[in-house]
Amino acid sequence: MRLRQRFVLAAAGLILAASVGATDAASPGAAMRATWRQPQVPERIYGNTWYVGSRGLSAILITSPKGHVLIDGTLAGNAPMIEANIRALGLRLRDVKLILNTHAHGDHAGAIAALARDSGAEVVARSAQARALREGGEDVDDPQHGDAPLFPAVKTVRVIGDEETVRVGPLAIQPHATPGHTPGSTSWTWTSCEGTRCRALVYADSLTLLAAGNYRYTDPAHPERLGDFRRALAMLSALPCDILMTPHPEASDLLKRLASRDAGNRDALRDPQACKAYARLGEQSMQQRVAAETAIAR
């Protein structure tokens, strides 16, 4: 099934509204934020990859007989929900050996400290991301510094190289630097199989360019801000990408695709063009950001 472009554009707009904290209880952003704490039945995505997050925030579990890897923790208050989802799959929390993260904001990293404490898992991150995790999101280099909510600091984080494969038993999970939404933004890829049918899975980080205060992506003193983001978009477009997942499941239509698969559409999850479509959304976000900053500068 092809990623439905108009749906994803609408979802990206809602995520933007939710991220900037719209206060109107009737607003689409407020409605989306309500799903961030809403329980969601855990479900197999493909092979050894499972969705264990809330209704509105992804947490992805990759399993093996030698231990499991969890990516993202959602909100701080959601730790018991994620732990219950893992146990509901018949798995032991202490078998989660590593915890990874897409970006260090409270809606995706909030529960990591509690999950690491309760499971005994090691938290692993690239350098820029590790710093933000240790600071509980108090990262002055974050474009949204001052606006993005803080979260419980993750005191111990093992730093990995930007291209260092993360391994637990037979699992091999590859990080991909995706700076833009935050300096440490990281996308993750791996292969999951069902019998002899293997799929390239991509958990791509958020690509919306949001800023607070005086931060400017177009600051001539920091050409790397847009340059690095453009390179990240090119990288995402080129990835082998059978199944796309995102920190906000609406951005990749994940839960709707799972429901379609469960209703009998066996190919509902697979879309080799999904990463290219997602990267185009990032390109649109960049163009809108550049236009807005250019207008302010005039």
Protein backbone atom coordinates (compact mmCIF):
# COMPACT_ATOMS: atom_id res chain seq x y z
CA MET A 1 0.00 0.00 0.00
CA ARG A 2 1.39 3.41 -0.95
CA LEU A 3 1.87 5.97 1.80
CA ARG A 4 -1.09 8.30 1.43
CA GLN A 5 0.50 11.69 0.89
CA ARG A 6 -2.46 13.85 1.78
CA PHE A 7 -3.10 11.96 4.99
CA VAL A 8 0.54 12.25 6.03
CA LEU A 9 0.62 15.97 5.27
CA ALA A 10 -2.45 16.48 7.45
CA ALA A 11 -0.93 14.34 10.21
CA ALA A 12 2.31 16.34 10.05
CA GLY A 13 0.32 19.52 10.52
CA LEU A 14 -1.44 18.09 13.56
CA ILE A 15 1.86 16.94 15.05
CA LEU A 16 3.24 20.44 14.53
CA ALA A 17 0.24 21.92 16.38
CA ALA A 18 0.64 19.43 19.21
CA SER A 19 4.37 20.03 19.47
CA VAL A 20 4.07 23.79 19.88
CA GLY A 21 1.56 23.27 22.67
CA ALA A 22 -1.76 24.67 21.49
CA THR A 23 -3.82 25.35 24.63
CA ASP A 24 -7.35 25.26 23.20
CA ALA A 25 -8.88 22.04 24.52
CA ALA A 26 -10.90 21.72 21.31
CA SER A 27 -7.92 22.20 18.99
CA PRO A 28 -6.58 19.37 16.80
CA GLY A 29 -3.27 19.67 18.64
CA ALA A 30 -4.93 19.16 22.01
CA ALA A 31 -6.82 16.15 20.69
CA MET A 32 -3.58 14.61 19.46
CA ARG A 33 -1.79 15.26 22.75
CA ALA A 34 -4.58 13.40 24.53
CA THR A 35 -3.62 10.25 22.59
CA TRP A 36 -0.07 10.48 23.90
CA ARG A 37 -1.23 8.99 27.22
CA GLN A 38 -3.94 6.75 25.78
CA PRO A 39 -3.24 2.99 26.15
CA GLN A 40 -2.70 1.00 22.99
CA VAL A 41 -2.75 -2.79 22.72
CA PRO A 42 0.78 -3.97 21.86
CA GLU A 43 1.05 -5.53 18.43
CA ARG A 44 3.51 -7.26 16.15
CA ILE A 45 4.60 -5.03 13.31
CA TYR A 46 6.69 -7.60 11.45
CA GLY A 47 8.71 -10.58 12.55
CA ASN A 48 10.49 -9.73 15.80
CA THR A 49 9.43 -6.06 15.78
CA TRP A 50 6.58 -4.90 18.03
CA TYR A 51 4.67 -1.71 18.78
CA VAL A 52 4.57 -1.20 22.57
CA GLY A 53 3.86 2.54 22.81
CA SER A 54 0.75 4.57 23.57
CA ARG A 55 -1.94 5.39 21.04
CA GLY A 56 -0.19 8.57 19.98
CA LEU A 57 3.52 7.98 20.69
CA SER A 58 5.60 5.13 19.33
CA ALA A 59 7.82 2.82 21.32
CA ILE A 60 9.32 0.01 19.25
CA LEU A 61 10.56 -3.29 20.68
CA ILE A 62 12.90 -5.57 18.71
CA THR A 63 13.21 -9.02 20.25
CA SER A 64 15.66 -11.92 20.20
CA PRO A 65 16.40 -15.00 22.32
CA LYS A 66 19.52 -13.18 23.58
CA GLY A 67 17.74 -10.01 24.66
CA HIS A 68 15.62 -7.17 23.36
CA VAL A 69 16.10 -3.56 22.22
CA LEU A 70 13.60 -0.79 22.95
CA ILE A 71 13.53 2.41 20.91
CA ASP A 72 11.91 5.45 22.58
CA GLY A 73 10.13 5.75 25.89
CA THR A 74 7.31 8.24 25.19
CA LEU A 75 6.18 10.42 28.12
CA ALA A 76 7.62 10.08 31.62
CA GLY A 77 4.27 8.99 33.01
CA ASN A 78 3.92 6.26 30.40
CA ALA A 79 6.67 4.00 31.77
CA PRO A 80 4.20 1.63 33.54
CA MET A 81 2.13 1.42 30.33
CA ILE A 82 5.13 0.45 28.20
CA GLU A 83 6.31 -2.06 30.79
CA ALA A 84 2.82 -3.60 30.92
CA ASN A 85 2.75 -3.81 27.11
CA ILE A 86 6.06 -5.66 27.08
CA ARG A 87 4.84 -8.12 29.71
CA ALA A 88 1.56 -8.57 27.81
CA LEU A 89 3.61 -10.04 24.97
CA GLY A 90 4.85 -12.72 27.35
CA LEU A 91 8.27 -11.09 27.61
CA ARG A 92 10.31 -10.25 30.69
CA LEU A 93 11.22 -6.63 31.29
CA ARG A 94 14.70 -7.60 32.45
CA ASP A 95 15.40 -9.09 29.01
CA VAL A 96 15.37 -5.58 27.52
CA LYS A 97 19.14 -5.07 27.24
CA LEU A 98 19.41 -1.78 25.35
CA ILE A 99 17.30 1.38 25.09
CA LEU A 100 17.71 3.72 22.11
CA ASN A 101 16.09 7.06 21.28
CA THR A 102 15.11 9.07 18.23
CA HIS A 103 15.35 12.52 19.84
CA ALA A 104 15.64 13.88 23.36
CA HIS A 105 12.30 15.59 23.89
CA GLY A 106 9.93 14.75 26.71
CA ASP A 107 7.38 13.06 24.46
CA HIS A 108 9.90 10.47 23.23
CA ALA A 109 12.59 10.30 25.92
CA GLY A 110 10.49 11.07 28.99
CA ALA A 111 10.21 7.51 30.31
CA ILE A 112 13.70 6.32 29.36
CA ALA A 113 15.22 6.91 32.81
CA ALA A 114 12.47 4.90 34.53
CA LEU A 115 12.51 2.15 31.90
CA ALA A 116 16.30 1.81 32.21
CA ARG A 117 16.05 1.66 36.01
CA ASP A 118 13.25 -0.92 36.02
CA SER A 119 14.73 -3.18 33.35
CA GLY A 120 18.43 -2.73 34.04
CA ALA A 121 18.92 -1.93 30.35
CA GLU A 122 21.80 0.17 29.08
CA VAL A 123 20.94 3.42 27.30
CA VAL A 124 22.95 3.97 24.12
CA ALA A 125 23.10 7.10 21.98
CA ARG A 126 25.20 9.14 19.58
CA SER A 127 27.25 11.92 21.19
CA ALA A 128 24.95 14.93 20.68
CA GLN A 129 21.93 12.88 21.69
CA ALA A 130 23.67 11.43 24.74
CA ARG A 131 24.41 14.92 26.04
CA ALA A 132 20.76 15.95 25.71
CA LEU A 133 19.57 12.76 27.43
CA ARG A 134 21.93 13.35 30.36
CA GLU A 135 20.65 16.91 30.66
CA GLY A 136 17.00 15.89 30.62
CA GLY A 137 16.41 17.92 27.48
CA GLU A 138 18.11 21.05 28.81
CA ASP A 139 20.15 21.34 25.63
CA VAL A 140 21.05 24.89 24.58
CA ASP A 141 21.81 23.66 21.05
CA ASP A 142 18.26 22.36 20.58
CA PRO A 143 16.31 24.60 18.16
CA GLN A 144 13.34 24.32 20.55
CA HIS A 145 15.33 25.03 23.71
CA GLY A 146 13.04 26.82 26.14
CA ASP A 147 9.87 25.48 24.52
CA ALA A 148 10.40 21.72 24.45
CA PRO A 149 9.36 20.16 27.80
CA LEU A 150 12.09 18.74 30.00
CA PHE A 151 12.13 15.17 31.28
CA PRO A 152 13.90 13.04 33.93
CA ALA A 153 17.60 13.02 33.14
CA VAL A 154 19.18 9.76 32.01
CA LYS A 155 22.30 9.72 34.17
CA THR A 156 24.22 6.96 32.40
CA VAL A 157 24.40 6.87 28.60
CA ARG A 158 26.96 4.93 26.56
CA VAL A 159 28.11 6.95 23.56
CA ILE A 160 28.37 5.25 20.18
CA GLY A 161 29.78 6.48 16.90
CA ASP A 162 27.51 7.99 14.29
CA GLU A 163 27.73 4.84 12.16
CA GLU A 164 28.31 2.26 14.88
CA THR A 165 25.98 -0.72 14.66
CA VAL A 166 24.22 -1.57 17.92
CA ARG A 167 24.11 -5.28 18.68
CA VAL A 168 22.28 -7.56 21.11
CA GLY A 169 22.73 -11.25 20.31
CA PRO A 170 21.69 -11.65 16.66
CA LEU A 171 20.16 -8.16 16.47
CA ALA A 172 22.02 -5.53 14.45
CA ILE A 173 20.51 -2.03 14.50
CA GLN A 174 22.08 0.79 12.53
CA PRO A 175 21.94 4.47 13.61
CA HIS A 176 21.58 7.24 11.03
CA ALA A 177 22.27 10.85 11.98
CA THR A 178 19.17 12.91 11.13
CA PRO A 179 19.93 16.35 12.63
CA GLY A 180 17.32 19.04 12.19
CA HIS A 181 14.47 18.55 14.60
CA THR A 182 17.20 18.30 17.26
CA PRO A 183 21.02 18.18 16.89
CA GLY A 184 21.11 14.56 18.08
CA SER A 185 18.14 13.29 16.09
CA THR A 186 18.72 9.69 15.07
CA SER A 187 16.88 7.32 12.76
CA TRP A 188 17.34 3.55 13.13
CA THR A 189 17.24 0.68 10.65
CA TRP A 190 17.27 -3.12 10.91
CA THR A 191 15.99 -6.25 9.20
CA SER A 192 13.11 -8.37 10.48
CA CYS A 193 12.06 -11.69 8.99
CA GLU A 194 9.00 -13.90 8.92
CA GLY A 195 10.22 -17.28 7.73
CA THR A 196 12.26 -16.59 4.60
CA ARG A 197 10.58 -13.21 3.94
CA CYS A 198 12.79 -10.43 5.30
CA ARG A 199 11.95 -6.74 5.34
CA ALA A 200 14.00 -3.56 5.73
CA LEU A 201 12.51 -1.65 8.66
CA VAL A 202 13.11 2.08 9.17
CA TYR A 203 12.24 4.01 12.31
CA ALA A 204 12.76 7.53 10.99
CA ASP A 205 12.96 10.48 13.35
CA SER A 206 10.76 13.57 13.14
CA LEU A 207 11.60 15.91 10.26
CA THR A 208 9.67 19.03 11.29
CA LEU A 209 11.91 22.09 11.68
CA LEU A 210 10.67 24.00 14.73
CA ALA A 211 12.50 26.76 16.57
CA ALA A 212 12.15 28.91 19.66
CA GLY A 213 13.63 32.26 20.65
CA ASN A 214 16.32 33.59 18.34
CA TYR A 215 17.26 30.27 16.77
CA ARG A 216 17.45 30.47 12.98
CA TYR A 217 18.06 27.54 10.66
CA THR A 218 19.14 30.12 8.06
CA ASP A 219 21.73 31.76 10.34
CA PRO A 220 24.71 32.43 7.99
CA ALA A 221 27.05 31.68 10.90
CA HIS A 222 25.72 28.10 10.98
CA PRO A 223 25.41 26.80 7.41
CA GLU A 224 25.59 23.25 8.78
CA ARG A 225 22.05 23.52 10.13
CA LEU A 226 20.40 23.31 6.72
CA GLY A 227 23.31 21.48 5.07
CA ASP A 228 23.17 18.60 7.54
CA PHE A 229 19.40 18.42 7.24
CA ARG A 230 19.54 18.24 3.45
CA ARG A 231 22.07 15.41 3.68
CA ALA A 232 19.79 13.60 6.15
CA LEU A 233 16.87 13.86 3.72
CA ALA A 234 18.99 12.47 0.90
CA MET A 235 20.10 9.61 3.15
CA LEU A 236 16.52 8.74 4.13
CA SER A 237 15.42 8.80 0.51
CA ALA A 238 18.11 6.29 -0.42
CA LEU A 239 17.54 3.80 2.42
CA PRO A 240 16.11 0.34 1.74
CA CYS A 241 12.68 0.92 3.23
CA ASP A 242 9.97 -1.75 3.21
CA ILE A 243 8.22 -0.66 6.42
CA LEU A 244 8.38 2.90 7.75
CA MET A 245 7.71 3.81 11.38
CA THR A 246 7.92 7.24 13.03
CA PRO A 247 7.93 8.57 16.63
CA HIS A 248 4.45 9.99 16.06
CA PRO A 249 2.65 7.04 14.44
CA GLU A 250 0.32 9.37 12.51
CA ALA A 251 3.26 10.68 10.48
CA SER A 252 3.67 7.25 8.87
CA ASP A 253 0.02 6.15 9.16
CA LEU A 254 1.35 3.19 11.15
CA LEU A 255 -1.62 2.24 13.31
CA LYS A 256 -4.06 2.57 10.41
CA ARG A 257 -1.81 0.38 8.27
CA LEU A 258 -1.62 -2.19 11.07
CA ALA A 259 -5.42 -2.21 11.28
CA SER A 260 -5.65 -2.70 7.52
CA ARG A 261 -3.14 -5.56 7.70
CA ASP A 262 -5.11 -7.18 10.51
CA ALA A 263 -8.30 -6.85 8.44
CA GLY A 264 -6.76 -8.99 5.71
CA ASN A 265 -4.63 -6.67 3.57
CA ARG A 266 -1.35 -8.58 3.86
CA ASP A 267 0.65 -5.87 2.08
CA ALA A 268 -0.75 -2.92 4.04
CA LEU A 269 2.51 -2.26 5.87
CA ARG A 270 4.92 -2.60 2.97
CA ASP A 271 5.67 0.51 0.91
CA PRO A 272 9.20 0.75 -0.57
CA GLN A 273 8.51 4.40 -1.47
CA ALA A 274 7.51 5.42 2.06
CA CYS A 275 10.90 6.83 3.09
CA LYS A 276 11.10 8.91 -0.09
CA ALA A 277 7.61 10.30 0.61
CA TYR A 278 8.56 11.03 4.22
CA ALA A 279 11.74 12.81 3.12
CA ARG A 280 9.64 14.97 0.79
CA LEU A 281 7.63 16.07 3.80
CA GLY A 282 10.91 17.06 5.46
CA GLU A 283 11.81 19.05 2.36
CA GLN A 284 8.47 20.86 2.57
CA SER A 285 9.02 21.60 6.26
CA MET A 286 12.44 23.05 5.42
CA GLN A 287 11.07 25.22 2.63
CA GLN A 288 8.34 26.56 4.91
CA ARG A 289 10.87 27.28 7.66
CA VAL A 290 13.26 29.07 5.30
CA ALA A 291 10.41 31.16 3.88
CA ALA A 292 9.22 32.13 7.36
CA GLU A 293 12.70 33.10 8.55
CA THR A 294 13.38 35.04 5.34
CA ALA A 295 10.14 37.00 5.79
CA ILE A 296 11.05 37.89 9.37
CA ALA A 297 14.52 39.05 8.30
CA ARG A 298 13.15 41.52 5.73
